[in-house]
Protein backbone atom coordinates (compact mmCIF):
# COMPACT_ATOMS: atom_id res chain seq x y z
CA MET A 1 29.34 0.93 -7.81
CA ASP A 2 25.90 -0.19 -6.71
CA ILE A 3 24.32 -2.82 -9.01
CA HIS A 4 21.14 -0.76 -9.40
CA THR A 5 23.21 2.27 -10.42
CA PHE A 6 25.11 0.11 -12.91
CA ILE A 7 21.85 -1.19 -14.40
CA ARG A 8 20.33 2.32 -14.59
CA GLN A 9 23.43 3.70 -16.34
CA SER A 10 23.57 0.76 -18.76
CA LEU A 11 19.92 1.17 -19.70
CA HIS A 12 20.34 4.93 -20.09
CA LEU A 13 23.45 4.54 -22.28
CA ASN A 14 21.51 2.16 -24.53
CA GLY A 15 18.59 4.58 -24.83
CA MET A 16 16.19 2.42 -22.86
CA PRO A 17 13.75 3.72 -20.26
CA VAL A 18 14.51 2.93 -16.63
CA LYS A 19 11.58 1.39 -14.77
CA GLU A 20 12.37 1.03 -11.08
CA ALA A 21 10.02 -1.97 -10.76
CA ASP A 22 12.13 -3.86 -13.34
CA LEU A 23 15.47 -3.39 -11.55
CA PRO A 24 15.18 -6.45 -9.24
CA TYR A 25 14.28 -8.69 -12.21
CA ILE A 26 17.15 -7.32 -14.31
CA GLN A 27 19.50 -7.78 -11.35
CA HIS A 28 18.38 -11.41 -11.02
CA VAL A 29 18.97 -12.07 -14.74
CA TYR A 30 22.39 -10.38 -14.55
CA HIS A 31 23.33 -12.49 -11.51
CA THR A 32 22.16 -15.68 -13.25
CA ILE A 33 24.33 -14.88 -16.28
CA GLN A 34 27.34 -14.24 -14.04
CA GLN A 35 26.81 -17.57 -12.26
CA ALA A 36 26.54 -19.39 -15.59
CA GLN A 37 29.86 -17.92 -16.73
CA LEU A 38 31.82 -19.09 -13.67
CA PRO A 39 32.67 -22.56 -15.08
CA LEU A 40 33.98 -20.90 -18.24
CA GLN A 41 36.30 -18.73 -16.19
CA ALA A 42 37.62 -21.80 -14.36
CA GLN A 43 38.31 -23.64 -17.63
CA PRO A 44 38.48 -21.05 -20.44
CA ASP A 45 39.79 -23.56 -23.01
CA LEU A 46 37.00 -26.06 -22.40
CA ASN A 47 35.68 -25.60 -25.94
CA GLU A 48 39.01 -26.88 -27.31
CA GLU A 49 38.69 -30.25 -25.56
CA VAL A 50 37.70 -33.21 -27.72
CA PRO A 51 34.59 -34.80 -26.24
CA MET A 52 34.78 -38.47 -25.26
CA THR A 53 31.91 -40.73 -26.27
CA ILE A 54 31.29 -44.01 -24.52
CA VAL A 55 28.95 -46.43 -26.26
CA ASP A 56 27.27 -49.26 -24.45
CA PRO A 57 27.76 -52.37 -26.69
CA GLU A 58 24.34 -53.69 -25.69
CA LEU A 59 22.69 -50.69 -27.32
CA ILE A 60 24.21 -51.38 -30.75
CA ARG A 61 22.01 -53.48 -33.02
CA HIS A 62 23.52 -56.23 -35.09
CA ASP A 63 20.79 -56.85 -37.69
């Protein structure tokens, strides 16, 4: 399915008007969201990892 057709159908199903001039912008936003999700697909359990914190001893004050 063509991305513009997908966007038109999605907007129509959600009761939103379709403005042809907005389709390239919506496509760009959709593509950006897909790109942002790629690392999550590569490591889906990333949120279960315990973060490691490294503290530089010189930054700790000893008052």
